Amino acid sequence: MPSFRFEKLTGWQKAVDYADAVYTASEGFPKDERFGLTSQIRRAVVSVSSNIAEGCGRLTDADQARFIEFAYGSLMETVSQLHIARRRDFIEGPSFDDLRNKAEELARILSGLRSRLRKP
């Protein structure tokens, strides 16, 4: 049973699921990318759920919205890195398409959350 407010958020739950999917996909990246793209994409994707959680610890809606914006930026970073992985043939087309579709869904959720927090 969730005990922290962020654990109840669909956006946070989907961000954690997304991080899990990206970790799984990046397991197949070349070993010589361990300190390169593999590390970078994993840090970026973990930052999505981390920023959502950190924002929930802030006292004002404006502060929380700012952390949702950080989460959104990290999500965009992850998508960019997926494009690079795809171009380098580190990830197959169907896996890329699935992860990109999940990113689009998560982006819509984050945008909606940010909009709700920004309303006067």
N, C-alpha and C. Protein backbone atom coordinates (compact mmCIF):
# COMPACT_ATOMS: atom_id res chain seq x y z
N MET A 1 0.84 -1.17 0.00
CA MET A 1 0.00 0.00 0.00
C MET A 1 0.89 1.24 0.00
N PRO A 2 0.65 2.17 -0.95
CA PRO A 2 1.48 3.37 -1.02
C PRO A 2 1.38 4.22 0.24
N SER A 3 2.53 4.68 0.73
CA SER A 3 2.53 5.53 1.91
C SER A 3 2.99 6.95 1.59
N PHE A 4 3.59 7.14 0.43
CA PHE A 4 4.01 8.46 0.01
C PHE A 4 3.10 8.95 -1.10
N ARG A 5 2.86 10.24 -1.13
CA ARG A 5 1.92 10.81 -2.10
C ARG A 5 2.32 10.49 -3.54
N PHE A 6 3.60 10.58 -3.86
CA PHE A 6 4.03 10.35 -5.23
C PHE A 6 3.76 8.92 -5.70
N GLU A 7 3.73 7.97 -4.76
CA GLU A 7 3.49 6.57 -5.14
C GLU A 7 2.08 6.36 -5.68
N LYS A 8 1.19 7.28 -5.37
CA LYS A 8 -0.19 7.18 -5.85
C LYS A 8 -0.38 7.78 -7.23
N LEU A 9 0.61 8.54 -7.70
CA LEU A 9 0.49 9.21 -8.99
C LEU A 9 0.70 8.24 -10.16
N THR A 10 -0.23 8.25 -11.07
CA THR A 10 -0.10 7.42 -12.28
C THR A 10 1.17 7.76 -13.03
N GLY A 11 1.50 9.04 -13.10
CA GLY A 11 2.72 9.46 -13.81
C GLY A 11 3.97 8.85 -13.21
N TRP A 12 4.05 8.83 -11.89
CA TRP A 12 5.22 8.23 -11.24
C TRP A 12 5.26 6.72 -11.50
N GLN A 13 4.10 6.06 -11.37
CA GLN A 13 4.03 4.62 -11.60
C GLN A 13 4.46 4.27 -13.02
N LYS A 14 3.98 5.04 -13.99
CA LYS A 14 4.35 4.79 -15.38
C LYS A 14 5.82 5.12 -15.64
N ALA A 15 6.34 6.12 -14.95
CA ALA A 15 7.76 6.46 -15.10
C ALA A 15 8.65 5.33 -14.59
N VAL A 16 8.25 4.71 -13.48
CA VAL A 16 9.01 3.57 -12.96
C VAL A 16 8.92 2.38 -13.93
N ASP A 17 7.73 2.14 -14.45
CA ASP A 17 7.58 1.07 -15.45
C ASP A 17 8.43 1.35 -16.68
N TYR A 18 8.44 2.61 -17.10
CA TYR A 18 9.23 3.01 -18.27
C TYR A 18 10.72 2.81 -18.01
N ALA A 19 11.18 3.18 -16.83
CA ALA A 19 12.59 2.97 -16.48
C ALA A 19 12.94 1.49 -16.54
N ASP A 20 12.06 0.66 -16.05
CA ASP A 20 12.29 -0.78 -16.10
C ASP A 20 12.42 -1.26 -17.55
N ALA A 21 11.55 -0.77 -18.42
CA ALA A 21 11.59 -1.16 -19.83
C ALA A 21 12.87 -0.67 -20.51
N VAL A 22 13.30 0.53 -20.20
CA VAL A 22 14.54 1.06 -20.80
C VAL A 22 15.75 0.28 -20.28
N TYR A 23 15.75 -0.04 -19.00
CA TYR A 23 16.84 -0.86 -18.45
C TYR A 23 16.92 -2.20 -19.19
N THR A 24 15.77 -2.83 -19.40
CA THR A 24 15.75 -4.11 -20.10
C THR A 24 16.28 -3.96 -21.52
N ALA A 25 15.82 -2.93 -22.21
CA ALA A 25 16.27 -2.71 -23.60
C ALA A 25 17.76 -2.43 -23.65
N SER A 26 18.28 -1.70 -22.68
CA SER A 26 19.70 -1.33 -22.72
C SER A 26 20.62 -2.47 -22.29
N GLU A 27 20.06 -3.53 -21.76
CA GLU A 27 20.89 -4.70 -21.43
C GLU A 27 21.57 -5.27 -22.66
N GLY A 28 20.96 -5.07 -23.82
CA GLY A 28 21.52 -5.59 -25.06
C GLY A 28 22.51 -4.66 -25.74
N PHE A 29 22.76 -3.48 -25.17
CA PHE A 29 23.72 -2.56 -25.76
C PHE A 29 25.12 -3.17 -25.68
N PRO A 30 26.01 -2.80 -26.58
CA PRO A 30 27.37 -3.35 -26.55
C PRO A 30 28.07 -3.06 -25.22
N LYS A 31 28.91 -3.97 -24.83
CA LYS A 31 29.64 -3.83 -23.55
C LYS A 31 30.50 -2.57 -23.54
N ASP A 32 31.04 -2.15 -24.70
CA ASP A 32 31.88 -0.96 -24.70
C ASP A 32 31.07 0.33 -24.55
N GLU A 33 29.75 0.22 -24.49
CA GLU A 33 28.89 1.38 -24.23
C GLU A 33 28.48 1.46 -22.76
N ARG A 34 29.01 0.57 -21.94
CA ARG A 34 28.64 0.52 -20.53
C ARG A 34 28.82 1.87 -19.84
N PHE A 35 29.88 2.58 -20.17
CA PHE A 35 30.15 3.89 -19.55
C PHE A 35 29.73 5.03 -20.46
N GLY A 36 29.13 4.70 -21.59
CA GLY A 36 28.67 5.70 -22.54
C GLY A 36 27.16 5.77 -22.56
N LEU A 37 26.59 5.36 -23.67
CA LEU A 37 25.16 5.50 -23.87
C LEU A 37 24.33 4.69 -22.86
N THR A 38 24.78 3.52 -22.50
CA THR A 38 24.03 2.70 -21.53
C THR A 38 23.88 3.45 -20.21
N SER A 39 24.97 3.97 -19.71
CA SER A 39 24.94 4.72 -18.45
C SER A 39 24.10 5.98 -18.59
N GLN A 40 24.28 6.69 -19.68
CA GLN A 40 23.58 7.96 -19.87
C GLN A 40 22.07 7.77 -19.95
N ILE A 41 21.63 6.80 -20.72
CA ILE A 41 20.18 6.59 -20.89
C ILE A 41 19.56 6.10 -19.58
N ARG A 42 20.28 5.31 -18.85
CA ARG A 42 19.76 4.82 -17.56
C ARG A 42 19.66 5.95 -16.55
N ARG A 43 20.64 6.82 -16.51
CA ARG A 43 20.57 7.97 -15.59
C ARG A 43 19.40 8.88 -15.97
N ALA A 44 19.23 9.12 -17.25
CA ALA A 44 18.14 10.00 -17.70
C ALA A 44 16.78 9.41 -17.36
N VAL A 45 16.60 8.12 -17.60
CA VAL A 45 15.28 7.53 -17.36
C VAL A 45 14.97 7.43 -15.87
N VAL A 46 15.96 7.20 -15.06
CA VAL A 46 15.74 7.18 -13.61
C VAL A 46 15.38 8.57 -13.11
N SER A 47 15.90 9.58 -13.74
CA SER A 47 15.63 10.96 -13.36
C SER A 47 14.16 11.34 -13.53
N VAL A 48 13.46 10.68 -14.44
CA VAL A 48 12.05 11.00 -14.67
C VAL A 48 11.25 10.75 -13.39
N SER A 49 11.26 9.53 -12.89
CA SER A 49 10.48 9.22 -11.68
C SER A 49 11.06 9.92 -10.45
N SER A 50 12.37 10.10 -10.42
CA SER A 50 13.00 10.77 -9.27
C SER A 50 12.53 12.21 -9.16
N ASN A 51 12.43 12.92 -10.27
CA ASN A 51 11.98 14.31 -10.23
C ASN A 51 10.50 14.42 -9.87
N ILE A 52 9.70 13.48 -10.32
CA ILE A 52 8.29 13.47 -9.92
C ILE A 52 8.20 13.32 -8.40
N ALA A 53 8.95 12.37 -7.87
CA ALA A 53 8.93 12.13 -6.43
C ALA A 53 9.45 13.34 -5.66
N GLU A 54 10.55 13.92 -6.12
CA GLU A 54 11.10 15.07 -5.43
C GLU A 54 10.13 16.24 -5.45
N GLY A 55 9.46 16.44 -6.57
CA GLY A 55 8.48 17.52 -6.67
C GLY A 55 7.35 17.37 -5.68
N CYS A 56 6.95 16.14 -5.42
CA CYS A 56 5.87 15.91 -4.45
C CYS A 56 6.29 16.28 -3.04
N GLY A 57 7.57 16.39 -2.80
CA GLY A 57 8.05 16.79 -1.49
C GLY A 57 8.12 18.30 -1.32
N ARG A 58 7.80 19.04 -2.36
CA ARG A 58 7.85 20.50 -2.29
C ARG A 58 6.54 21.06 -1.76
N LEU A 59 6.61 22.23 -1.21
CA LEU A 59 5.44 22.80 -0.52
C LEU A 59 4.45 23.50 -1.43
N THR A 60 4.91 24.01 -2.56
CA THR A 60 3.99 24.77 -3.42
C THR A 60 3.75 24.05 -4.74
N ASP A 61 2.61 24.35 -5.34
CA ASP A 61 2.31 23.79 -6.66
C ASP A 61 3.33 24.25 -7.70
N ALA A 62 3.78 25.50 -7.60
CA ALA A 62 4.76 26.02 -8.54
C ALA A 62 6.07 25.25 -8.45
N ASP A 63 6.51 24.95 -7.23
CA ASP A 63 7.73 24.15 -7.07
C ASP A 63 7.54 22.74 -7.62
N GLN A 64 6.38 22.16 -7.33
CA GLN A 64 6.11 20.82 -7.83
C GLN A 64 6.08 20.83 -9.36
N ALA A 65 5.46 21.83 -9.96
CA ALA A 65 5.40 21.93 -11.42
C ALA A 65 6.80 22.03 -12.02
N ARG A 66 7.69 22.74 -11.35
CA ARG A 66 9.06 22.87 -11.85
C ARG A 66 9.74 21.50 -11.91
N PHE A 67 9.50 20.66 -10.92
CA PHE A 67 10.11 19.33 -10.93
C PHE A 67 9.44 18.42 -11.98
N ILE A 68 8.18 18.64 -12.24
CA ILE A 68 7.52 17.90 -13.33
C ILE A 68 8.16 18.31 -14.66
N GLU A 69 8.50 19.58 -14.80
CA GLU A 69 9.21 20.04 -16.00
C GLU A 69 10.58 19.38 -16.12
N PHE A 70 11.27 19.23 -15.00
CA PHE A 70 12.56 18.52 -15.02
C PHE A 70 12.36 17.07 -15.47
N ALA A 71 11.31 16.44 -14.94
CA ALA A 71 11.01 15.06 -15.33
C ALA A 71 10.73 14.97 -16.83
N TYR A 72 9.97 15.93 -17.33
CA TYR A 72 9.66 15.97 -18.76
C TYR A 72 10.95 16.12 -19.58
N GLY A 73 11.83 16.99 -19.14
CA GLY A 73 13.10 17.16 -19.84
C GLY A 73 13.93 15.89 -19.85
N SER A 74 13.95 15.18 -18.74
CA SER A 74 14.68 13.91 -18.68
C SER A 74 14.05 12.87 -19.60
N LEU A 75 12.73 12.90 -19.71
CA LEU A 75 12.06 11.98 -20.63
C LEU A 75 12.46 12.29 -22.07
N MET A 76 12.52 13.57 -22.42
CA MET A 76 12.94 13.95 -23.77
C MET A 76 14.38 13.54 -24.03
N GLU A 77 15.22 13.67 -23.02
CA GLU A 77 16.61 13.22 -23.13
C GLU A 77 16.66 11.72 -23.41
N THR A 78 15.84 10.97 -22.73
CA THR A 78 15.79 9.52 -22.93
C THR A 78 15.36 9.18 -24.35
N VAL A 79 14.36 9.86 -24.86
CA VAL A 79 13.89 9.60 -26.23
C VAL A 79 15.00 9.91 -27.23
N SER A 80 15.70 11.00 -27.03
CA SER A 80 16.81 11.35 -27.91
C SER A 80 17.87 10.25 -27.90
N GLN A 81 18.18 9.74 -26.74
CA GLN A 81 19.18 8.69 -26.61
C GLN A 81 18.69 7.38 -27.25
N LEU A 82 17.40 7.14 -27.18
CA LEU A 82 16.84 5.95 -27.86
C LEU A 82 17.03 6.07 -29.37
N HIS A 83 16.87 7.27 -29.90
CA HIS A 83 17.11 7.47 -31.33
C HIS A 83 18.55 7.13 -31.70
N ILE A 84 19.47 7.55 -30.87
CA ILE A 84 20.88 7.24 -31.13
C ILE A 84 21.11 5.73 -31.07
N ALA A 85 20.53 5.10 -30.05
CA ALA A 85 20.67 3.64 -29.92
C ALA A 85 20.09 2.92 -31.13
N ARG A 86 18.98 3.42 -31.63
CA ARG A 86 18.35 2.81 -32.82
C ARG A 86 19.24 2.98 -34.04
N ARG A 87 19.76 4.17 -34.23
CA ARG A 87 20.64 4.43 -35.38
C ARG A 87 21.89 3.56 -35.34
N ARG A 88 22.38 3.28 -34.14
CA ARG A 88 23.58 2.46 -33.99
C ARG A 88 23.25 0.96 -33.98
N ASP A 89 21.99 0.64 -34.18
CA ASP A 89 21.52 -0.75 -34.18
C ASP A 89 21.72 -1.44 -32.82
N PHE A 90 21.67 -0.65 -31.74
CA PHE A 90 21.74 -1.22 -30.40
C PHE A 90 20.36 -1.71 -29.96
N ILE A 91 19.32 -1.22 -30.63
CA ILE A 91 17.96 -1.58 -30.29
C ILE A 91 17.19 -1.79 -31.59
N GLU A 92 16.35 -2.80 -31.61
CA GLU A 92 15.59 -3.12 -32.82
C GLU A 92 14.38 -2.20 -32.96
N GLY A 93 13.91 -2.09 -34.20
CA GLY A 93 12.78 -1.22 -34.50
C GLY A 93 11.56 -1.42 -33.63
N PRO A 94 11.06 -2.65 -33.47
CA PRO A 94 9.86 -2.84 -32.64
C PRO A 94 10.06 -2.41 -31.18
N SER A 95 11.22 -2.66 -30.61
CA SER A 95 11.50 -2.24 -29.24
C SER A 95 11.56 -0.72 -29.16
N PHE A 96 12.21 -0.11 -30.15
CA PHE A 96 12.28 1.34 -30.19
C PHE A 96 10.87 1.94 -30.27
N ASP A 97 10.06 1.40 -31.18
CA ASP A 97 8.69 1.91 -31.36
C ASP A 97 7.88 1.79 -30.08
N ASP A 98 8.01 0.66 -29.39
CA ASP A 98 7.29 0.45 -28.14
C ASP A 98 7.72 1.46 -27.08
N LEU A 99 9.03 1.65 -26.94
CA LEU A 99 9.53 2.60 -25.94
C LEU A 99 9.15 4.04 -26.29
N ARG A 100 9.16 4.35 -27.57
CA ARG A 100 8.78 5.70 -27.97
C ARG A 100 7.30 5.95 -27.71
N ASN A 101 6.46 4.95 -27.98
CA ASN A 101 5.03 5.08 -27.70
C ASN A 101 4.77 5.25 -26.21
N LYS A 102 5.49 4.50 -25.39
CA LYS A 102 5.35 4.65 -23.94
C LYS A 102 5.80 6.04 -23.49
N ALA A 103 6.85 6.56 -24.13
CA ALA A 103 7.32 7.90 -23.80
C ALA A 103 6.28 8.95 -24.16
N GLU A 104 5.61 8.77 -25.29
CA GLU A 104 4.55 9.71 -25.68
C GLU A 104 3.42 9.72 -24.66
N GLU A 105 3.03 8.54 -24.21
CA GLU A 105 1.97 8.46 -23.20
C GLU A 105 2.41 9.14 -21.91
N LEU A 106 3.62 8.87 -21.47
CA LEU A 106 4.13 9.48 -20.25
C LEU A 106 4.25 10.99 -20.41
N ALA A 107 4.66 11.45 -21.57
CA ALA A 107 4.78 12.89 -21.82
C ALA A 107 3.41 13.57 -21.70
N ARG A 108 2.37 12.93 -22.20
CA ARG A 108 1.01 13.49 -22.09
C ARG A 108 0.58 13.57 -20.61
N ILE A 109 0.89 12.54 -19.87
CA ILE A 109 0.54 12.52 -18.44
C ILE A 109 1.28 13.65 -17.70
N LEU A 110 2.57 13.78 -17.96
CA LEU A 110 3.35 14.83 -17.30
C LEU A 110 2.87 16.22 -17.70
N SER A 111 2.53 16.40 -18.97
CA SER A 111 2.03 17.70 -19.43
C SER A 111 0.72 18.05 -18.73
N GLY A 112 -0.14 17.06 -18.59
CA GLY A 112 -1.41 17.30 -17.90
C GLY A 112 -1.20 17.64 -16.43
N LEU A 113 -0.31 16.93 -15.79
CA LEU A 113 -0.01 17.20 -14.39
C LEU A 113 0.58 18.60 -14.22
N ARG A 114 1.50 18.94 -15.08
CA ARG A 114 2.12 20.27 -15.03
C ARG A 114 1.07 21.36 -15.24
N SER A 115 0.16 21.16 -16.17
CA SER A 115 -0.90 22.14 -16.43
C SER A 115 -1.80 22.33 -15.22
N ARG A 116 -2.16 21.23 -14.59
CA ARG A 116 -3.02 21.32 -13.39
C ARG A 116 -2.33 22.06 -12.25
N LEU A 117 -1.04 21.87 -12.13
CA LEU A 117 -0.30 22.53 -11.06
C LEU A 117 -0.08 24.01 -11.34
N ARG A 118 -0.04 24.38 -12.60
CA ARG A 118 0.22 25.76 -13.00
C ARG A 118 -1.04 26.63 -13.01
N LYS A 119 -2.22 26.03 -12.90
CA LYS A 119 -3.45 26.82 -12.93
C LYS A 119 -3.56 27.68 -11.67
N PRO A 120 -4.00 28.96 -11.89
CA PRO A 120 -4.11 29.87 -10.73
C PRO A 120 -5.25 29.48 -9.81
